[in-house]
Amino acid sequence: MTSQTLREARKYEETAEKTIKKEERPDFHLCARVGWMNDPNGFSYYNGKYHMFYQYYPYDSKWGPMHWGHAVSDDLLHWKYFPAALAPDECYDRDGCFSGSAVALPDGRHLLMYTGVIKERQKSGDFREIQTQCLAVGDGVDYEKYKQNPVLDEKDIPKGSSRFDFRDPRIWRKKDGTYACVVGSRAADGSGQILLYTSADGFRWNYKKALVENKGRFGSMWECPDFFELDGKWVLLTSPQDMLPQGFEYHNGNGTLCLIGEYDEETETFTEQHDQAVDYGIDFYAPQTVLTPDGRRVMIGWMQNWDTCNLRLPEEPWMGQMSLPRELSIKGKRLYQTPIRELEEIRCNKVEYHGISFSDTVCLEGVKGRCVDMELTIRPEKELYQKFAVRFAQDKKSYTSLSFRPRESVLKIDRKFSGSRRAIIHQRRSLVDSVDKKLKLRIILDRFSVEVFVNDGRQVMSATIYTDQTADGISFLVDGTANMDVVKYDL
């Protein structure tokens, strides 16, 4: 039975949604139906559709008591909003239904697993959030919370671990039909760990072990884990808080971490072999993946950063959008990401230039727009140029740029001239590979964002941009002389 709290949220979102014009939203990225969106939740394939739930506060465009928003898609690019799925309406989740995941049950039902939050007054007088793991079962539209919630609480965590930092369960069904989940946790040493739990039926859970321990290596608390097999390896994705940079690999603050290794399913032992960032840009956090019916592992992240949330004005009707769905693969020791291939089906108006030699600033006829898929290959001529840049979302006052210095092999994204009036993070740099000083970029623009896929997906840099939509210019600049190929499509 739907609670009053959920009924009110559903009524509000249905009414408020009508005040937002189609052109005020991204064209092929999922954004909040109304109000606030953060982490992707319950990313799953169920009854022939892709389901994406998300952390949601419908009543304001800033964070509030967390609900679960809900949208459904056939192709991961065109989304239909469904009514909100969860609201904070029980004694164990009255202060928020935090992040979680979903799986299809053999009997045809859809099982959601999420973190329930209640605020508890401490002896100091301060309030702290107690976090437990909870379930809800439904039919793809309506969900009923499990009567035995919570199914995991402080008695199910290792000694010394924090009951205030125990969240974001990622559930999956194993090959033998039983279930497992990983949960983010703060260990006794104050840094993150990923805990493993198992269940015969998805409802009664048992603690198994700490699958991976941070031990102070990558930030502090680890949030939003995902764990899956890919190309003969196992991959753990997680989002550490309070990161420190390691050269160009990780950046300060809230970041993303990918651990690649081997997993012995008999002993439930994960052996780390390689680590890397997931995204090297400004706005990307808390990714989740889904296995498509044709066997692809596809990832979507929250295309935002906790340190840049005031980029968008508070009076705007929505805040928060998801990244482009990205197909994942492992090549050598690295995680590669490429735009989902379905994107190619919506490309049109191809414009192509090959072997352009230029030594100043150039604008190319037919190369402009804010919903664009553009592939660039830049190479030096006889002598190595000092710097190459491409500017987009450009008018006389505003632009966002990508610049590349081949001598250092450093690629920088910079949105400080995008129209922002906030002194927040506007630049990030990444060390990239450039064989023979050649660089390949695929730049995807969708009204309020840019995602840059470097060297066929070896790295990705994401950023949100809220420049006026009339700023649709694209230009190319070089200090020295460069040679360039450009293939551009409208989306």
Protein backbone atom coordinates (compact mmCIF):
# COMPACT_ATOMS: atom_id res chain seq x y z
CA MET A 1 0.00 0.00 0.00
CA THR A 2 1.38 3.41 -1.00
CA SER A 3 2.14 5.73 1.91
CA GLN A 4 0.89 9.29 2.18
CA THR A 5 4.49 10.52 1.88
CA LEU A 6 4.99 8.67 -1.42
CA ARG A 7 1.57 9.71 -2.76
CA GLU A 8 2.39 13.36 -2.10
CA ALA A 9 5.77 13.06 -3.83
CA ARG A 10 4.19 11.41 -6.86
CA LYS A 11 1.48 14.05 -7.10
CA TYR A 12 4.00 16.86 -6.75
CA GLU A 13 6.43 15.55 -9.38
CA GLU A 14 3.65 14.93 -11.89
CA THR A 15 2.41 18.52 -11.55
CA ALA A 16 5.80 20.27 -11.31
CA GLU A 17 7.20 18.38 -14.30
CA LYS A 18 4.77 20.22 -16.59
CA THR A 19 6.50 23.54 -15.91
CA ILE A 20 9.79 22.35 -17.48
CA LYS A 21 10.05 22.62 -21.25
CA LYS A 22 11.67 19.82 -23.25
CA GLU A 23 14.45 22.12 -24.47
CA GLU A 24 15.29 23.02 -20.85
CA ARG A 25 16.45 19.44 -20.28
CA PRO A 26 19.30 17.40 -21.76
CA ASP A 27 18.29 15.68 -24.98
CA PHE A 28 19.66 12.18 -24.34
CA HIS A 29 20.98 12.26 -20.75
CA LEU A 30 18.64 11.44 -17.89
CA CYS A 31 18.11 14.38 -15.51
CA ALA A 32 15.93 14.82 -12.43
CA ARG A 33 12.22 14.74 -13.22
CA VAL A 34 11.97 17.79 -10.96
CA GLY A 35 14.12 19.04 -8.10
CA TRP A 36 17.33 17.27 -7.09
CA MET A 37 19.08 14.15 -8.41
CA ASN A 38 22.28 12.48 -7.29
CA ASP A 39 23.52 8.85 -7.38
CA PRO A 40 22.15 6.31 -9.86
CA ASN A 41 20.31 3.54 -8.01
CA GLY A 42 18.86 0.18 -8.99
CA PHE A 43 20.28 0.26 -12.53
CA SER A 44 18.84 -2.96 -13.92
CA TYR A 45 17.20 -4.75 -16.84
CA TYR A 46 13.74 -5.95 -15.87
CA ASN A 47 10.76 -7.14 -17.94
CA GLY A 48 12.36 -6.07 -21.21
CA LYS A 49 13.23 -2.52 -20.09
CA TYR A 50 16.14 -0.70 -18.51
CA HIS A 51 15.24 0.74 -15.14
CA MET A 52 17.15 3.60 -13.54
CA PHE A 53 16.27 4.80 -10.08
CA TYR A 54 18.07 7.74 -8.54
CA GLN A 55 18.61 9.64 -5.32
CA TYR A 56 15.91 12.27 -5.46
CA TYR A 57 14.42 15.21 -3.60
CA PRO A 58 11.50 16.42 -5.73
CA TYR A 59 10.62 19.51 -3.69
CA ASP A 60 13.77 21.58 -4.22
CA SER A 61 16.78 21.71 -6.54
CA LYS A 62 19.10 21.01 -3.65
CA TRP A 63 19.68 17.89 -1.54
CA GLY A 64 16.92 16.96 0.93
CA PRO A 65 15.38 13.82 2.51
CA MET A 66 16.16 11.19 -0.08
CA HIS A 67 13.49 9.49 -2.19
CA TRP A 68 14.05 7.19 -5.15
CA GLY A 69 13.11 8.70 -8.50
CA HIS A 70 12.42 6.29 -11.35
CA ALA A 71 12.81 6.29 -15.14
CA VAL A 72 12.61 3.56 -17.77
CA SER A 73 14.19 3.21 -21.22
CA ASP A 74 14.40 0.86 -24.19
CA ASP A 75 17.79 2.11 -25.40
CA LEU A 76 19.40 3.95 -22.41
CA LEU A 77 19.19 7.23 -24.34
CA HIS A 78 15.47 8.05 -24.36
CA TRP A 79 13.91 7.94 -20.90
CA LYS A 80 10.32 7.90 -19.69
CA TYR A 81 9.67 9.06 -16.14
CA PHE A 82 7.78 6.69 -13.87
CA PRO A 83 6.32 7.64 -10.48
CA ALA A 84 8.79 7.91 -7.58
CA ALA A 85 9.46 4.41 -6.25
CA LEU A 86 10.47 4.99 -2.61
CA ALA A 87 9.93 7.70 -0.03
CA PRO A 88 11.27 8.07 3.54
CA ASP A 89 8.13 6.85 5.29
CA GLU A 90 9.11 4.07 7.75
CA CYS A 91 10.72 4.16 11.19
CA TYR A 92 13.98 2.72 9.81
CA ASP A 93 14.29 5.11 6.82
CA ARG A 94 12.40 8.22 7.92
CA ASP A 95 15.44 10.45 7.24
CA GLY A 96 16.23 9.05 3.81
CA CYS A 97 16.15 6.15 1.37
CA PHE A 98 19.80 6.23 0.34
CA SER A 99 21.55 4.52 -2.56
CA GLY A 100 21.16 0.88 -3.52
CA SER A 101 20.58 -1.54 -6.36
CA ALA A 102 18.08 -3.92 -7.93
CA VAL A 103 17.78 -7.45 -9.29
CA ALA A 104 15.06 -9.47 -11.00
CA LEU A 105 13.79 -12.39 -8.90
CA PRO A 106 13.00 -15.79 -10.46
CA ASP A 107 9.29 -15.35 -9.64
CA GLY A 108 9.13 -12.22 -11.83
CA ARG A 109 9.28 -9.60 -9.09
CA HIS A 110 11.78 -6.74 -8.93
CA LEU A 111 13.85 -6.58 -5.72
CA LEU A 112 15.29 -3.26 -4.56
CA MET A 113 17.98 -3.13 -1.88
CA TYR A 114 18.71 0.27 -0.38
CA THR A 115 20.16 2.05 2.65
CA GLY A 116 17.66 3.27 5.22
CA VAL A 117 18.72 6.26 7.32
CA ILE A 118 17.56 7.58 10.68
CA LYS A 119 19.12 10.42 12.62
CA GLU A 120 20.04 9.57 16.20
CA ARG A 121 20.97 12.05 18.92
CA GLN A 122 24.39 11.32 20.40
CA LYS A 123 25.57 11.99 23.96
CA SER A 124 27.29 15.13 22.66
CA GLY A 125 23.90 16.46 21.55
CA ASP A 126 24.81 16.12 17.88
CA PHE A 127 22.75 14.02 15.49
CA ARG A 128 24.38 11.22 13.46
CA GLU A 129 22.87 9.11 10.68
CA ILE A 130 22.41 5.43 11.47
CA GLN A 131 22.55 3.45 8.22
CA THR A 132 21.01 0.01 7.62
CA GLN A 133 20.22 -2.10 4.54
CA CYS A 134 16.58 -2.57 3.54
CA LEU A 135 14.49 -4.23 0.83
CA ALA A 136 11.45 -3.42 -1.28
CA VAL A 137 9.70 -5.67 -3.81
CA GLY A 138 7.59 -4.59 -6.75
CA ASP A 139 6.39 -4.94 -10.30
CA GLY A 140 8.41 -2.22 -12.04
CA VAL A 141 6.09 0.60 -10.94
CA ASP A 142 4.97 0.09 -7.35
CA TYR A 143 7.18 -1.28 -4.58
CA GLU A 144 6.34 -2.55 -1.10
CA LYS A 145 8.92 -2.40 1.65
CA TYR A 146 9.85 -5.71 3.26
CA LYS A 147 8.18 -6.29 6.62
CA GLN A 148 11.42 -7.61 8.18
CA ASN A 149 13.43 -4.47 7.32
CA PRO A 150 16.20 -3.72 7.97
CA VAL A 151 17.85 -6.92 6.76
CA LEU A 152 21.40 -5.78 7.66
CA ASP A 153 22.29 -3.50 10.58
CA GLU A 154 25.11 -2.86 13.04
CA LYS A 155 25.13 -6.48 14.26
CA ASP A 156 26.14 -7.50 10.71
CA ILE A 157 29.30 -5.39 10.41
CA PRO A 158 32.85 -6.23 11.52
CA LYS A 159 34.01 -5.17 14.96
CA GLY A 160 35.04 -1.52 15.07
CA SER A 161 33.31 -0.62 11.81
CA SER A 162 31.08 2.45 11.76
CA ARG A 163 27.29 2.16 11.92
CA PHE A 164 27.23 5.76 10.62
CA ASP A 165 29.03 4.79 7.39
CA PHE A 166 27.47 1.58 6.14
CA ARG A 167 25.69 2.11 2.84
CA ASP A 168 24.99 1.61 -0.87
CA PRO A 169 24.37 -2.15 -1.26
CA ARG A 170 25.08 -3.57 -4.71
CA ILE A 171 23.21 -6.84 -5.18
CA TRP A 172 23.67 -9.46 -7.90
CA ARG A 173 22.46 -12.99 -8.59
CA LYS A 174 25.22 -15.57 -8.81
CA LYS A 175 25.46 -18.36 -11.38
CA ASP A 176 24.19 -20.90 -8.83
CA GLY A 177 21.00 -18.87 -8.26
CA THR A 178 21.99 -17.50 -4.85
CA TYR A 179 22.68 -13.82 -4.20
CA ALA A 180 25.57 -11.65 -3.09
CA CYS A 181 25.99 -7.99 -2.35
CA VAL A 182 28.80 -5.57 -1.58
CA VAL A 183 28.32 -2.63 0.79
CA GLY A 184 30.48 0.43 1.44
CA SER A 185 31.74 0.69 5.02
CA ARG A 186 34.15 2.66 7.17
CA ALA A 187 36.61 0.38 8.95
CA ALA A 188 37.98 0.78 12.46
CA ASP A 189 41.03 2.60 11.05
CA GLY A 190 38.74 5.31 9.64
CA SER A 191 39.22 4.45 5.97
CA GLY A 192 36.97 2.63 3.54
CA GLN A 193 36.31 -1.05 3.06
CA ILE A 194 33.93 -3.08 0.92
CA LEU A 195 31.98 -5.75 2.79
CA LEU A 196 30.63 -8.91 1.15
CA TYR A 197 27.29 -10.52 2.10
CA THR A 198 25.50 -13.56 0.70
CA SER A 199 21.93 -14.82 0.65
CA ALA A 200 20.14 -17.94 -0.53
CA ASP A 201 16.95 -16.09 -1.50
CA GLY A 202 17.77 -12.35 -1.58
CA PHE A 203 15.92 -11.69 1.68
CA ARG A 204 17.96 -13.29 4.49
CA TRP A 205 21.55 -12.08 4.46
CA ASN A 206 24.79 -13.20 6.09
CA TYR A 207 28.07 -11.36 6.49
CA LYS A 208 31.00 -13.12 4.81
CA LYS A 209 34.10 -10.92 4.92
CA ALA A 210 35.75 -7.63 4.06
CA LEU A 211 36.26 -8.11 0.33
CA VAL A 212 38.62 -5.14 -0.13
CA GLU A 213 40.22 -2.85 2.46
CA ASN A 214 41.43 0.65 1.73
CA LYS A 215 43.93 0.96 4.59
CA GLY A 216 44.30 4.67 3.88
CA ARG A 217 45.45 4.27 0.26
CA PHE A 218 42.66 5.98 -1.66
CA GLY A 219 40.84 8.68 0.29
CA SER A 220 38.79 7.77 3.35
CA MET A 221 35.24 6.33 3.22
CA TRP A 222 34.41 4.30 0.09
CA GLU A 223 30.88 4.79 -1.27
CA CYS A 224 28.72 3.26 -3.98
CA PRO A 225 30.56 0.01 -4.82
CA ASP A 226 29.93 -2.13 -7.88
CA PHE A 227 31.59 -5.50 -8.49
CA PHE A 228 31.45 -7.54 -11.68
CA GLU A 229 33.29 -9.81 -14.10
CA LEU A 230 34.62 -8.25 -17.30
CA ASP A 231 36.82 -9.73 -20.03
CA GLY A 232 38.23 -12.45 -17.79
CA LYS A 233 38.96 -10.12 -14.87
CA TRP A 234 36.93 -8.80 -11.95
CA VAL A 235 36.36 -5.09 -11.50
CA LEU A 236 35.51 -3.17 -8.34
CA LEU A 237 34.22 0.37 -8.83
CA THR A 238 33.86 2.65 -5.84
CA SER A 239 33.80 6.37 -5.06
CA PRO A 240 36.22 7.40 -2.30
CA GLN A 241 35.75 10.58 -0.30
CA ASP A 242 38.61 12.91 0.64
CA MET A 243 41.02 11.77 -2.06
CA LEU A 244 44.54 13.08 -2.48
CA PRO A 245 46.03 13.35 -5.98
CA GLN A 246 48.63 10.86 -7.15
CA GLY A 247 50.31 12.72 -9.99
CA PHE A 248 47.61 13.14 -12.62
CA GLU A 249 45.80 9.90 -11.75
CA TYR A 250 43.47 11.00 -8.96
CA HIS A 251 42.22 14.43 -7.92
CA ASN A 252 41.48 16.07 -4.58
CA GLY A 253 38.12 15.50 -2.89
CA ASN A 254 35.44 13.07 -4.02
CA GLY A 255 36.77 10.80 -6.73
CA THR A 256 36.28 7.53 -8.55
CA LEU A 257 38.36 4.38 -8.25
CA CYS A 258 38.58 1.26 -10.38
CA LEU A 259 40.37 -1.83 -9.05
CA ILE A 260 41.03 -4.62 -11.55
CA GLY A 261 42.04 -8.08 -10.39
CA GLU A 262 41.26 -11.77 -9.95
CA TYR A 263 38.37 -13.16 -7.92
CA ASP A 264 38.24 -16.70 -6.56
CA GLU A 265 34.52 -17.36 -6.16
CA GLU A 266 35.14 -20.48 -4.06
CA THR A 267 37.13 -18.67 -1.38
CA GLU A 268 35.53 -15.27 -2.14
CA THR A 269 38.97 -13.68 -2.41
CA PHE A 270 39.65 -10.64 -4.57
CA THR A 271 43.29 -10.05 -5.53
CA GLU A 272 44.00 -6.52 -6.74
CA GLN A 273 46.29 -6.13 -9.73
CA HIS A 274 45.76 -2.61 -11.10
CA ASP A 275 44.11 0.63 -10.03
CA GLN A 276 43.02 3.72 -11.94
CA ALA A 277 40.53 6.59 -11.88
CA VAL A 278 37.22 6.01 -13.64
CA ASP A 279 36.77 9.59 -14.91
CA TYR A 280 39.42 12.33 -15.15
CA GLY A 281 37.12 15.31 -15.58
CA ILE A 282 35.22 17.55 -13.18
CA ASP A 283 31.80 15.93 -12.81
CA PHE A 284 31.46 12.18 -12.33
CA TYR A 285 30.64 10.10 -9.23
CA ALA A 286 28.94 6.96 -7.92
CA PRO A 287 28.73 4.89 -11.14
CA GLN A 288 26.61 1.76 -11.48
CA THR A 289 26.63 -0.86 -14.21
CA VAL A 290 24.14 -3.17 -15.88
CA LEU A 291 24.63 -6.27 -18.02
CA THR A 292 22.63 -5.86 -21.22
CA PRO A 293 20.74 -8.79 -22.77
CA ASP A 294 23.41 -9.00 -25.50
CA GLY A 295 26.20 -9.27 -22.92
CA ARG A 296 27.62 -5.75 -22.74
CA ARG A 297 28.62 -4.22 -19.41
CA VAL A 298 27.27 -0.64 -19.46
CA MET A 299 28.02 2.02 -16.85
CA ILE A 300 26.22 5.25 -15.94
CA GLY A 301 27.45 7.71 -13.29
CA TRP A 302 26.10 10.82 -11.63
CA MET A 303 27.48 13.59 -13.84
CA GLN A 304 28.12 15.94 -10.97
CA ASN A 305 30.57 16.41 -8.11
CA TRP A 306 29.72 17.23 -4.49
CA ASP A 307 32.21 20.10 -4.62
CA THR A 308 30.52 21.75 -7.63
CA CYS A 309 26.82 21.47 -6.80
CA ASN A 310 26.34 25.23 -6.56
CA LEU A 311 27.30 25.68 -10.22
CA ARG A 312 23.59 25.74 -11.13
CA LEU A 313 21.42 28.53 -9.75
CA PRO A 314 19.08 27.42 -6.93
CA GLU A 315 15.96 28.74 -8.67
CA GLU A 316 16.42 26.33 -11.58
CA PRO A 317 13.70 23.62 -11.68
CA TRP A 318 16.10 20.67 -11.73
CA MET A 319 19.62 19.87 -10.61
CA GLY A 320 21.58 16.76 -11.48
CA GLN A 321 21.95 14.54 -14.53
CA MET A 322 23.41 11.16 -15.39
CA SER A 323 26.36 10.52 -17.66
CA LEU A 324 26.15 9.00 -21.10
CA PRO A 325 25.88 5.20 -20.87
CA ARG A 326 29.35 3.79 -21.48
CA GLU A 327 30.32 0.33 -22.70
CA LEU A 328 33.16 -1.09 -20.61
CA SER A 329 36.05 -3.32 -21.62
CA ILE A 330 39.50 -4.21 -20.37
CA LYS A 331 42.46 -3.77 -22.68
CA GLY A 332 45.85 -4.66 -21.25
CA LYS A 333 45.75 -3.44 -17.68
CA ARG A 334 43.15 -0.70 -18.16
CA LEU A 335 39.41 -0.13 -18.04
CA TYR A 336 38.25 1.40 -21.32
CA GLN A 337 34.96 3.25 -21.81
CA THR A 338 33.23 4.03 -25.09
CA PRO A 339 29.87 5.74 -25.72
CA ILE A 340 27.05 3.23 -25.95
CA ARG A 341 26.76 2.09 -29.57
CA GLU A 342 23.06 3.03 -29.69
CA LEU A 343 24.23 6.65 -29.84
CA GLU A 344 25.39 6.06 -33.40
CA GLU A 345 21.79 5.37 -34.43
CA ILE A 346 20.72 8.93 -33.60
CA ARG A 347 23.62 10.65 -35.39
CA CYS A 348 22.74 12.75 -38.44
CA ASN A 349 24.04 15.58 -40.67
CA LYS A 350 27.57 14.27 -41.03
CA VAL A 351 30.27 16.88 -41.74
CA GLU A 352 33.77 15.66 -42.50
CA TYR A 353 37.18 17.28 -42.95
CA HIS A 354 40.49 15.47 -43.42
CA GLY A 355 44.07 16.66 -43.34
CA ILE A 356 43.40 20.28 -42.42
CA SER A 357 46.66 22.10 -41.81
CA PHE A 358 46.30 25.24 -39.71
CA SER A 359 48.45 27.53 -37.59
CA ASP A 360 46.08 29.94 -35.88
CA THR A 361 42.33 29.84 -35.18
CA VAL A 362 39.93 28.11 -37.54
CA CYS A 363 36.15 27.66 -37.66
CA LEU A 364 34.83 25.02 -40.05
CA GLU A 365 31.59 25.36 -41.94
CA GLY A 366 28.92 23.04 -40.55
CA VAL A 367 30.82 22.41 -37.32
CA LYS A 368 28.76 23.89 -34.50
CA GLY A 369 25.96 22.93 -32.12
CA ARG A 370 25.14 21.89 -28.55
CA CYS A 371 23.96 18.34 -29.28
CA VAL A 372 26.99 17.04 -31.11
CA ASP A 373 29.11 13.91 -31.56
CA MET A 374 32.51 15.01 -32.88
CA GLU A 375 35.63 12.96 -33.54
CA LEU A 376 39.00 14.72 -33.81
CA THR A 377 42.46 13.44 -34.67
CA ILE A 378 45.27 15.95 -34.10
CA ARG A 379 48.84 15.38 -35.24
CA PRO A 380 51.91 17.58 -35.61
CA GLU A 381 53.22 18.70 -38.99
CA LYS A 382 56.99 19.01 -39.50
CA GLU A 383 57.63 20.59 -36.11
CA LEU A 384 55.82 19.89 -32.87
CA TYR A 385 53.25 22.54 -31.98
CA GLN A 386 53.15 24.07 -28.50
CA LYS A 387 49.43 23.78 -27.76
CA PHE A 388 46.18 22.74 -29.43
CA ALA A 389 42.72 23.74 -28.19
CA VAL A 390 39.12 23.21 -29.21
CA ARG A 391 36.45 25.56 -27.88
CA PHE A 392 32.75 24.75 -27.83
CA ALA A 393 29.49 26.11 -26.38
CA GLN A 394 31.01 29.33 -27.67
CA ASP A 395 29.75 32.84 -28.35
CA LYS A 396 31.42 36.24 -28.02
CA LYS A 397 31.61 35.96 -24.21
CA SER A 398 31.53 32.29 -23.31
CA TYR A 399 33.18 29.01 -24.16
CA THR A 400 34.43 25.78 -22.63
CA SER A 401 37.72 24.39 -23.91
CA LEU A 402 39.91 21.32 -24.19
CA SER A 403 43.60 22.04 -24.59
CA PHE A 404 46.49 19.68 -25.24
CA ARG A 405 50.20 20.31 -24.76
CA PRO A 406 51.99 17.53 -26.66
CA ARG A 407 55.37 18.00 -25.00
CA GLU A 408 53.87 17.21 -21.60
CA SER A 409 51.08 14.96 -23.00
CA VAL A 410 48.65 16.84 -20.73
CA LEU A 411 45.00 17.34 -21.69
CA LYS A 412 43.03 20.00 -19.78
CA ILE A 413 39.31 20.67 -19.61
CA ASP A 414 38.42 24.24 -18.65
CA ARG A 415 34.97 25.77 -18.18
CA LYS A 416 35.91 28.95 -16.32
CA PHE A 417 34.55 31.03 -19.21
CA SER A 418 31.33 29.01 -19.48
CA GLY A 419 29.25 31.67 -17.74
CA SER A 420 29.65 30.37 -14.19
CA ARG A 421 29.64 32.98 -11.43
CA ARG A 422 30.94 30.54 -8.84
CA ALA A 423 34.53 30.14 -7.65
CA ILE A 424 34.44 26.35 -7.77
CA ILE A 425 36.38 23.71 -9.67
CA HIS A 426 36.50 24.71 -13.33
CA GLN A 427 39.63 22.91 -14.56
CA ARG A 428 41.04 19.41 -14.49
CA ARG A 429 44.10 17.97 -16.19
CA SER A 430 44.95 14.46 -17.25
CA LEU A 431 48.11 12.80 -18.48
CA VAL A 432 47.24 11.05 -21.74
CA ASP A 433 49.05 8.73 -24.14
CA SER A 434 49.89 10.24 -27.52
CA VAL A 435 51.75 7.87 -29.80
CA ASP A 436 53.89 9.94 -32.18
CA LYS A 437 52.28 12.96 -30.48
CA LYS A 438 48.95 12.08 -32.13
CA LEU A 439 45.76 12.53 -30.11
CA LYS A 440 42.26 11.17 -30.74
CA LEU A 441 39.26 12.79 -29.07
CA ARG A 442 35.55 12.02 -29.27
CA ILE A 443 33.56 14.91 -27.83
CA ILE A 444 29.89 14.41 -26.93
CA LEU A 445 27.84 17.54 -26.22
CA ASP A 446 24.28 17.48 -24.91
CA ARG A 447 23.03 20.98 -24.00
CA PHE A 448 24.30 21.02 -20.42
CA SER A 449 27.32 18.71 -20.54
CA VAL A 450 30.44 17.56 -22.33
CA GLU A 451 32.06 14.11 -22.22
CA VAL A 452 35.43 13.59 -23.85
CA PHE A 453 36.58 10.08 -24.77
CA VAL A 454 40.36 10.10 -25.21
CA ASN A 455 42.23 7.70 -27.51
CA ASP A 456 39.33 5.31 -28.16
CA GLY A 457 38.16 5.35 -24.53
CA ARG A 458 41.42 4.90 -22.66
CA GLN A 459 40.35 7.88 -20.53
CA VAL A 460 37.20 9.98 -20.17
CA MET A 461 36.74 13.55 -18.93
CA SER A 462 33.22 14.74 -18.03
CA ALA A 463 31.88 18.17 -17.10
CA THR A 464 28.56 19.94 -16.78
CA ILE A 465 28.18 23.31 -18.50
CA TYR A 466 25.20 25.64 -18.18
CA THR A 467 26.15 28.20 -20.85
CA ASP A 468 23.20 29.78 -22.65
CA GLN A 469 21.97 27.44 -25.37
CA THR A 470 22.47 30.08 -28.06
CA ALA A 471 26.23 29.67 -27.57
CA ASP A 472 26.76 26.95 -30.17
CA GLY A 473 30.07 27.89 -31.79
CA ILE A 474 33.02 25.50 -32.14
CA SER A 475 36.54 26.67 -33.01
CA PHE A 476 40.03 25.17 -33.17
CA LEU A 477 43.26 26.92 -32.13
CA VAL A 478 46.91 25.99 -32.34
CA ASP A 479 50.17 27.59 -31.25
CA GLY A 480 52.40 26.37 -34.05
CA THR A 481 51.12 24.23 -36.91
CA ALA A 482 48.95 21.14 -36.59
CA ASN A 483 47.14 18.74 -38.90
CA MET A 484 43.61 17.67 -38.04
CA ASP A 485 40.77 15.41 -39.09
CA VAL A 486 37.22 16.28 -37.98
CA VAL A 487 34.07 14.17 -38.27
CA LYS A 488 31.02 15.84 -36.74
CA TYR A 489 27.42 14.68 -36.37
CA ASP A 490 24.34 16.32 -34.92
CA LEU A 491 22.51 14.33 -32.27
